[in-house]
Amino acid sequence: YAVVWGIGSATAGASRGDDRPGSGPLRVDGGTAEQRRDAIAAAPMTSVAASAARSGTPAPVAGPTITVPSATSVGPADVPTGFPPTPQGAVGQLAAIDTTVLTSMSIAHTGAVHQEWALPGAPGVEQWVMTSNVQAFLAASGSPTLDDISVVTATPVAGQVKGTDGEHWTLACVLLDVRATITASARIGYGHCERMQWHDDGQGGRWMIAPGAQPALAPSTWPGSQAAVDAGWATWVDAEQS
């Protein structure tokens, strides 16, 4: 029960949005770069019930796919990196950031990841949705850290490019299959979006969390469900396996 409550609380706020068809990347014309990117970030996503994260009817017809490149190295704070400067690369980098945070379930490591992977002007670590997720999970588990017998896994199962602005800015979204075991097992689908910006770090460049307010909440849906397809999630395909 504690595991279910903990994960559910960590993601309940990210399971609803206003109605918007999941239909291809958004682009905004005119205005400044900041105005265009704010508009893309604030655009609502498909609305789903909170229960959609915990179960769902399998889609009768396979939905679209998104082919995501694989990491080629390990970057700061042990986050896999080496993704190319493409929208799909931004999706891959966001997934790597998320899975690193969720599998460690550590406040300290979450802070280290944010410090190394968020550009100036991005939401601070106190406001970052991933920090809230870790806090809620640990509060529900009754422990300040993930103990030796507890296991959390997070696997990217779908993604979408919500919008782009030029070659080096993408609003990337990932749907994760999150499973946790403490004294019982629990599983949910968790959707998360971030502004991602290509940053020249002097070592070939990498995608990082971009400046600006947190984007509209992504729909959290059961992997492979009709609700996931309707919400615009495209099944994850690893480029190395395609």
Protein backbone atom coordinates (compact mmCIF):
# COMPACT_ATOMS: atom_id res chain seq x y z
CA TYR A 1 0.00 0.00 0.00
CA ALA A 2 2.75 2.44 0.90
CA VAL A 3 4.45 1.89 -2.44
CA VAL A 4 1.26 2.46 -4.41
CA TRP A 5 0.44 5.59 -2.43
CA GLY A 6 3.95 6.92 -2.73
CA ILE A 7 4.29 6.58 -6.47
CA GLY A 8 0.71 7.70 -7.04
CA SER A 9 1.25 10.81 -4.97
CA ALA A 10 4.47 11.56 -6.79
CA THR A 11 2.78 11.50 -10.16
CA ALA A 12 -0.85 12.38 -9.53
CA GLY A 13 -0.20 16.02 -10.35
CA ALA A 14 1.28 15.02 -13.70
CA SER A 15 -1.64 12.90 -14.78
CA ARG A 16 -4.02 15.63 -15.88
CA GLY A 17 -4.00 18.34 -18.49
CA ASP A 18 -6.50 20.24 -20.55
CA ASP A 19 -7.83 18.63 -23.71
CA ARG A 20 -5.52 18.80 -26.68
CA PRO A 21 -5.15 16.16 -29.37
CA GLY A 22 -1.77 14.46 -29.35
CA SER A 23 -0.99 15.45 -32.92
CA GLY A 24 2.55 16.22 -33.97
CA PRO A 25 5.08 18.83 -32.87
CA LEU A 26 3.84 22.36 -32.23
CA ARG A 27 5.51 25.34 -33.84
CA VAL A 28 4.78 29.00 -33.17
CA ASP A 29 5.48 31.79 -35.63
CA GLY A 30 6.37 35.37 -34.78
CA GLY A 31 7.35 36.93 -31.50
CA THR A 32 10.63 36.50 -29.68
CA ALA A 33 12.23 33.13 -29.04
CA GLU A 34 11.16 33.38 -25.40
CA GLN A 35 7.53 34.10 -26.37
CA ARG A 36 7.41 31.24 -28.88
CA ARG A 37 8.92 28.76 -26.42
CA ASP A 38 6.66 29.87 -23.59
CA ALA A 39 3.64 29.33 -25.84
CA ILE A 40 4.75 25.81 -26.76
CA ALA A 41 5.51 24.95 -23.13
CA ALA A 42 2.19 26.29 -21.85
CA ALA A 43 0.03 24.62 -24.53
CA PRO A 44 -2.16 22.04 -22.73
CA MET A 45 -1.79 18.35 -23.41
CA THR A 46 -4.41 15.61 -23.59
CA SER A 47 -6.47 15.24 -20.43
CA VAL A 48 -6.57 11.80 -18.79
CA ALA A 49 -7.99 10.51 -15.51
CA ALA A 50 -5.54 9.84 -12.69
CA SER A 51 -6.48 6.15 -12.89
CA ALA A 52 -5.08 6.00 -16.44
CA ALA A 53 -1.58 5.77 -14.97
CA ARG A 54 -2.37 2.54 -13.11
CA SER A 55 -4.24 0.44 -15.68
CA GLY A 56 -5.76 0.57 -19.14
CA THR A 57 -7.26 -1.39 -21.99
CA PRO A 58 -4.59 -2.41 -24.50
CA ALA A 59 -4.84 -0.54 -27.80
CA PRO A 60 -6.37 -2.82 -30.46
CA VAL A 61 -4.14 -1.34 -33.16
CA ALA A 62 -0.49 -0.50 -32.69
CA GLY A 63 0.09 3.23 -32.47
CA PRO A 64 2.92 5.28 -33.97
CA THR A 65 6.54 4.77 -32.96
CA ILE A 66 9.41 7.10 -32.20
CA THR A 67 12.96 5.92 -32.87
CA VAL A 68 15.26 7.28 -30.16
CA PRO A 69 19.06 7.18 -30.39
CA SER A 70 21.01 5.41 -27.67
CA ALA A 71 23.43 6.98 -25.24
CA THR A 72 27.08 6.67 -26.18
CA SER A 73 28.73 7.75 -22.92
CA VAL A 74 28.12 8.64 -19.29
CA GLY A 75 27.99 12.32 -18.42
CA PRO A 76 27.95 14.42 -15.25
CA ALA A 77 26.15 12.96 -12.21
CA ASP A 78 26.24 9.51 -13.85
CA VAL A 79 23.59 10.46 -16.41
CA PRO A 80 23.90 8.63 -19.77
CA THR A 81 24.55 11.08 -22.61
CA GLY A 82 25.97 11.40 -26.11
CA PHE A 83 22.62 11.96 -27.80
CA PRO A 84 22.62 13.88 -31.12
CA PRO A 85 21.25 17.43 -31.56
CA THR A 86 17.89 16.24 -32.91
CA PRO A 87 14.41 16.30 -31.33
CA GLN A 88 14.67 12.53 -30.82
CA GLY A 89 18.03 13.09 -29.14
CA ALA A 90 16.36 15.51 -26.72
CA VAL A 91 13.75 12.86 -25.89
CA GLY A 92 16.52 10.35 -25.23
CA GLN A 93 18.41 12.75 -22.97
CA LEU A 94 15.31 13.59 -20.94
CA ALA A 95 14.62 9.89 -20.46
CA ALA A 96 18.20 9.38 -19.28
CA ILE A 97 17.84 12.21 -16.76
CA ASP A 98 14.52 10.87 -15.48
CA THR A 99 15.59 7.25 -15.16
CA THR A 100 18.76 8.25 -13.32
CA VAL A 101 16.77 10.27 -10.78
CA LEU A 102 14.01 7.71 -10.27
CA THR A 103 16.21 4.64 -9.93
CA SER A 104 18.44 6.29 -7.33
CA MET A 105 15.54 7.86 -5.36
CA SER A 106 17.99 10.08 -3.52
CA ILE A 107 17.47 13.74 -2.63
CA ALA A 108 21.21 14.33 -2.80
CA HIS A 109 21.62 12.67 -6.20
CA THR A 110 18.55 14.46 -7.54
CA GLY A 111 20.19 17.75 -6.54
CA ALA A 112 23.44 16.73 -8.23
CA VAL A 113 21.60 15.79 -11.45
CA HIS A 114 19.73 19.09 -11.48
CA GLN A 115 22.92 21.07 -10.87
CA GLU A 116 24.69 19.43 -13.80
CA TRP A 117 21.78 19.21 -16.23
CA ALA A 118 19.69 22.38 -15.78
CA LEU A 119 20.70 25.61 -17.47
CA PRO A 120 20.45 28.97 -15.66
CA GLY A 121 16.84 30.13 -15.73
CA ALA A 122 15.36 26.64 -15.57
CA PRO A 123 13.11 25.83 -12.58
CA GLY A 124 15.22 25.54 -9.43
CA VAL A 125 15.75 22.18 -7.79
CA GLU A 126 13.09 23.05 -5.18
CA GLN A 127 10.50 23.60 -7.92
CA TRP A 128 11.61 20.76 -10.21
CA VAL A 129 8.88 18.14 -10.65
CA MET A 130 11.40 15.31 -10.34
CA THR A 131 12.43 16.55 -6.89
CA SER A 132 8.78 16.47 -5.83
CA ASN A 133 8.48 12.91 -7.13
CA VAL A 134 11.46 11.72 -5.09
CA GLN A 135 10.25 13.57 -1.98
CA ALA A 136 6.78 12.02 -2.23
CA PHE A 137 8.14 8.52 -2.76
CA LEU A 138 10.54 8.71 0.18
CA ALA A 139 7.86 10.25 2.42
CA ALA A 140 5.50 7.37 1.61
CA SER A 141 8.20 4.75 2.13
CA GLY A 142 9.01 6.15 5.56
CA SER A 143 12.73 6.36 4.79
CA PRO A 144 14.95 9.32 3.86
CA THR A 145 16.79 7.14 1.32
CA LEU A 146 16.15 4.06 -0.78
CA ASP A 147 17.19 1.16 1.46
CA ASP A 148 19.11 -1.95 0.40
CA ILE A 149 16.03 -4.14 -0.07
CA SER A 150 13.99 -1.61 -2.07
CA VAL A 151 14.19 -1.42 -5.84
CA VAL A 152 12.86 1.17 -8.28
CA THR A 153 13.14 0.73 -12.03
CA ALA A 154 12.11 3.23 -14.71
CA THR A 155 12.03 2.23 -18.38
CA PRO A 156 11.12 4.60 -21.22
CA VAL A 157 8.29 3.01 -23.19
CA ALA A 158 6.99 5.93 -25.28
CA GLY A 159 7.86 9.48 -26.19
CA GLN A 160 6.67 12.48 -28.09
CA VAL A 161 8.06 15.75 -29.36
CA LYS A 162 5.54 18.31 -28.19
CA GLY A 163 7.14 21.18 -30.04
CA THR A 164 10.31 22.66 -31.53
CA ASP A 165 11.74 26.12 -32.05
CA GLY A 166 14.74 26.09 -34.33
CA GLU A 167 17.30 23.30 -34.43
CA HIS A 168 18.48 23.56 -30.85
CA TRP A 169 15.29 23.78 -28.76
CA THR A 170 12.77 20.97 -28.22
CA LEU A 171 9.88 20.39 -25.84
CA ALA A 172 10.53 16.70 -25.20
CA CYS A 173 8.21 14.25 -23.42
CA VAL A 174 8.74 10.70 -22.19
CA LEU A 175 6.40 8.05 -20.82
CA LEU A 176 8.09 5.81 -18.27
CA ASP A 177 7.13 2.37 -16.98
CA VAL A 178 7.94 2.84 -13.29
CA ARG A 179 8.04 -0.18 -10.99
CA ALA A 180 8.84 -0.15 -7.28
CA THR A 181 9.24 -2.90 -4.73
CA ILE A 182 9.49 -2.37 -0.98
CA THR A 183 7.23 -4.85 0.82
CA ALA A 184 4.93 -5.09 -2.18
CA SER A 185 5.20 -4.26 -5.86
CA ALA A 186 3.55 -1.40 -7.71
CA ARG A 187 3.60 -0.19 -11.28
CA ILE A 188 2.44 2.97 -13.06
CA GLY A 189 2.89 4.87 -16.29
CA TYR A 190 4.42 8.31 -15.74
CA GLY A 191 4.50 11.10 -18.33
CA HIS A 192 6.97 13.98 -18.04
CA CYS A 193 7.86 16.92 -20.31
CA GLU A 194 10.74 19.39 -20.16
CA ARG A 195 12.09 22.24 -22.27
CA MET A 196 15.39 20.93 -23.65
CA GLN A 197 18.11 23.10 -25.18
CA TRP A 198 21.33 22.10 -26.92
CA HIS A 199 24.29 23.47 -24.97
CA ASP A 200 27.84 23.75 -26.25
CA ASP A 201 29.82 22.49 -23.29
CA GLY A 202 33.14 22.45 -25.13
CA GLN A 203 33.07 18.67 -25.36
CA GLY A 204 30.78 18.18 -28.33
CA GLY A 205 27.61 19.62 -26.81
CA ARG A 206 24.65 18.04 -25.02
CA TRP A 207 20.95 18.55 -24.38
CA MET A 208 20.13 20.25 -21.06
CA ILE A 209 16.96 21.43 -19.32
CA ALA A 210 16.23 24.85 -20.76
CA PRO A 211 15.28 28.15 -19.11
CA GLY A 212 11.62 28.91 -18.55
CA ALA A 213 8.68 27.83 -16.44
CA GLN A 214 7.73 24.18 -16.08
CA PRO A 215 5.73 23.04 -19.16
CA ALA A 216 2.08 22.01 -19.04
CA LEU A 217 1.67 18.64 -17.35
CA ALA A 218 2.04 15.55 -19.50
CA PRO A 219 -0.61 12.80 -19.54
CA SER A 220 0.39 9.76 -17.46
CA THR A 221 -1.08 6.65 -19.07
CA TRP A 222 -0.71 2.90 -18.82
CA PRO A 223 1.94 1.79 -21.34
CA GLY A 224 0.44 0.37 -24.53
CA SER A 225 -3.10 1.40 -23.66
CA GLN A 226 -5.57 3.09 -25.97
CA ALA A 227 -5.41 6.10 -23.66
CA ALA A 228 -1.67 6.31 -24.32
CA VAL A 229 -2.22 6.26 -28.07
CA ASP A 230 -4.98 8.86 -27.82
CA ALA A 231 -2.69 11.08 -25.75
CA GLY A 232 -0.11 11.13 -28.53
CA TRP A 233 2.44 8.73 -27.04
CA ALA A 234 4.53 6.95 -29.68
CA THR A 235 5.99 3.59 -28.74
CA TRP A 236 9.69 3.79 -27.93
CA VAL A 237 12.03 2.10 -30.39
CA ASP A 238 15.73 1.96 -29.59
CA ALA A 239 17.68 3.04 -32.68
CA GLU A 240 20.22 0.27 -32.15
CA GLN A 241 17.46 -2.35 -32.25
CA SER A 242 15.43 -0.96 -35.14
